[in-house]
C-alpha atoms as a PDB file:
ATOM      1  CA  MET A   1       2.357  13.891 -96.300  1.00  0.00           C
ATOM      2  CA  ALA A   2       2.941  15.201 -92.767  1.00  0.00           C
ATOM      3  CA  THR A   3       3.488  11.686 -91.454  1.00  0.00           C
ATOM      4  CA  GLN A   4       5.976  10.961 -94.247  1.00  0.00           C
ATOM      5  CA  ILE A   5       7.913  14.156 -93.449  1.00  0.00           C
ATOM      6  CA  ASP A   6       7.894  13.396 -89.722  1.00  0.00           C
ATOM      7  CA  GLU A   7       9.118   9.830 -90.269  1.00  0.00           C
ATOM      8  CA  ALA A   8      11.920  11.057 -92.544  1.00  0.00           C
ATOM      9  CA  ILE A   9      12.948  13.610 -89.898  1.00  0.00           C
ATOM     10  CA  LEU A  10      12.969  10.997 -87.135  1.00  0.00           C
ATOM     11  CA  ALA A  11      15.093   8.678 -89.292  1.00  0.00           C
ATOM     12  CA  ALA A  12      17.515  11.504 -90.106  1.00  0.00           C
ATOM     13  CA  ALA A  13      17.793  12.584 -86.461  1.00  0.00           C
ATOM     14  CA  GLY A  14      18.700   9.164 -85.116  1.00  0.00           C
ATOM     15  CA  ASP A  15      19.740   8.383 -81.566  1.00  0.00           C
ATOM     16  CA  ARG A  16      22.714  10.759 -81.336  1.00  0.00           C
ATOM     17  CA  TRP A  17      22.713  14.535 -81.153  1.00  0.00           C
ATOM     18  CA  THR A  18      22.691  15.797 -84.743  1.00  0.00           C
ATOM     19  CA  LYS A  19      22.785  19.377 -86.013  1.00  0.00           C
ATOM     20  CA  VAL A  20      19.359  20.584 -87.111  1.00  0.00           C
ATOM     21  CA  ALA A  21      20.901  21.728 -90.431  1.00  0.00           C
ATOM     22  CA  MET A  22      22.071  18.157 -91.102  1.00  0.00           C
ATOM     23  CA  VAL A  23      18.652  16.707 -90.252  1.00  0.00           C
ATOM     24  CA  ILE A  24      17.042  19.195 -92.651  1.00  0.00           C
ATOM     25  CA  ALA A  25      19.519  18.332 -95.421  1.00  0.00           C
ATOM     26  CA  ARG A  26      19.075  14.573 -94.966  1.00  0.00           C
ATOM     27  CA  THR A  27      15.289  14.883 -94.879  1.00  0.00           C
ATOM     28  CA  ALA A  28      15.224  17.065 -98.002  1.00  0.00           C
ATOM     29  CA  ARG A  29      17.417  14.535 -99.810  1.00  0.00           C
ATOM     30  CA  THR A  30      15.164  11.645 -98.718  1.00  0.00           C
ATOM     31  CA  LEU A  31      11.999  13.431 -99.846  1.00  0.00           C
ATOM     32  CA  HIS A  32      13.528  14.908-103.001  1.00  0.00           C
ATOM     33  CA  GLY A  33      10.813  15.877-105.447  1.00  0.00           C
ATOM     34  CA  GLU A  34       7.991  15.516-102.937  1.00  0.00           C
ATOM     35  CA  LEU A  35       8.447  18.932-101.314  1.00  0.00           C
ATOM     36  CA  PRO A  36       8.776  22.426-102.759  1.00  0.00           C
ATOM     37  CA  SER A  37      12.330  23.280-103.781  1.00  0.00           C
ATOM     38  CA  GLY A  38      14.835  25.572-102.098  1.00  0.00           C
ATOM     39  CA  ASP A  39      14.233  27.530 -98.936  1.00  0.00           C
ATOM     40  CA  GLN A  40      10.537  26.697 -98.863  1.00  0.00           C
ATOM     41  CA  CYS A  41      11.421  23.005 -98.522  1.00  0.00           C
ATOM     42  CA  HIS A  42      13.873  23.668 -95.700  1.00  0.00           C
ATOM     43  CA  ASP A  43      11.426  25.952 -93.893  1.00  0.00           C
ATOM     44  CA  GLU A  44       8.683  23.320 -94.072  1.00  0.00           C
ATOM     45  CA  ILE A  45      10.990  20.651 -92.640  1.00  0.00           C
ATOM     46  CA  SER A  46      12.087  23.073 -89.910  1.00  0.00           C
ATOM     47  CA  GLN A  47       8.452  23.625 -88.926  1.00  0.00           C
ATOM     48  CA  HIS A  48       7.948  19.878 -88.645  1.00  0.00           C
ATOM     49  CA  ILE A  49      11.075  19.590 -86.472  1.00  0.00           C
ATOM     50  CA  GLN A  50       9.705  22.291 -84.173  1.00  0.00           C
ATOM     51  CA  ALA A  51       6.396  20.419 -83.931  1.00  0.00           C
ATOM     52  CA  LEU A  52       8.155  17.119 -83.155  1.00  0.00           C
ATOM     53  CA  VAL A  53      10.118  18.833 -80.369  1.00  0.00           C
ATOM     54  CA  ALA A  54       6.907  20.395 -79.004  1.00  0.00           C
ATOM     55  CA  ASP A  55       5.197  16.963 -79.123  1.00  0.00           C
ATOM     56  CA  GLY A  56       8.096  15.379 -77.226  1.00  0.00           C
ATOM     57  CA  ARG A  57       9.146  13.072 -80.081  1.00  0.00           C
ATOM     58  CA  LEU A  58      12.502  14.842 -80.502  1.00  0.00           C
ATOM     59  CA  ALA A  59      14.784  16.211 -77.795  1.00  0.00           C
ATOM     60  CA  ALA A  60      16.545  19.492 -78.586  1.00  0.00           C
ATOM     61  CA  ARG A  61      19.654  21.364 -77.481  1.00  0.00           C
ATOM     62  CA  GLY A  62      19.922  25.045 -78.295  1.00  0.00           C
ATOM     63  CA  ASN A  63      17.581  27.261 -80.264  1.00  0.00           C
ATOM     64  CA  ILE A  64      16.269  24.943 -82.979  1.00  0.00           C
ATOM     65  CA  ARG A  65      15.507  27.943 -85.192  1.00  0.00           C
ATOM     66  CA  ASP A  66      19.268  28.467 -85.414  1.00  0.00           C
ATOM     67  CA  TRP A  67      19.886  25.372 -87.542  1.00  0.00           C
ATOM     68  CA  ARG A  68      23.675  25.336 -87.470  1.00  0.00           C
ATOM     69  CA  HIS A  69      23.947  25.879 -83.721  1.00  0.00           C
ATOM     70  CA  SER A  70      21.319  23.492 -82.377  1.00  0.00           C
ATOM     71  CA  GLU A  71      20.909  19.732 -82.236  1.00  0.00           C
ATOM     72  CA  VAL A  72      18.117  17.175 -82.006  1.00  0.00           C
ATOM     73  CA  ARG A  73      17.780  13.442 -81.401  1.00  0.00           C
ATOM     74  CA  ARG A  74      14.946  10.982 -80.985  1.00  0.00           C
ATOM     75  CA  VAL A  75      13.530  10.890 -77.495  1.00  0.00           C
ATOM     76  CA  GLY A  76      14.400   7.954 -75.281  1.00  0.00           C
ATOM     77  CA  GLU A  77      17.520   6.996 -77.207  1.00  0.00           C
ATOM     78  CA  HIS A  78      20.991   7.858 -75.946  1.00  0.00           C
END
């Protein structure tokens, strides 16, 4: 399941800077029914985003724990 979540996040992030809140919303919509509902779903996706940033698969601007005031994009794409 982790790989499926990560792939959905990477697809939602794309090659342009995108608000973390938007990436979480798009990912939750894509994986609808496969993750817990509500805040637990969003928190799980957020943890995966943090891991992808730490692994260097996503670039980040701002504090990614502040979803509405930070952005991510796939690494190597501008």
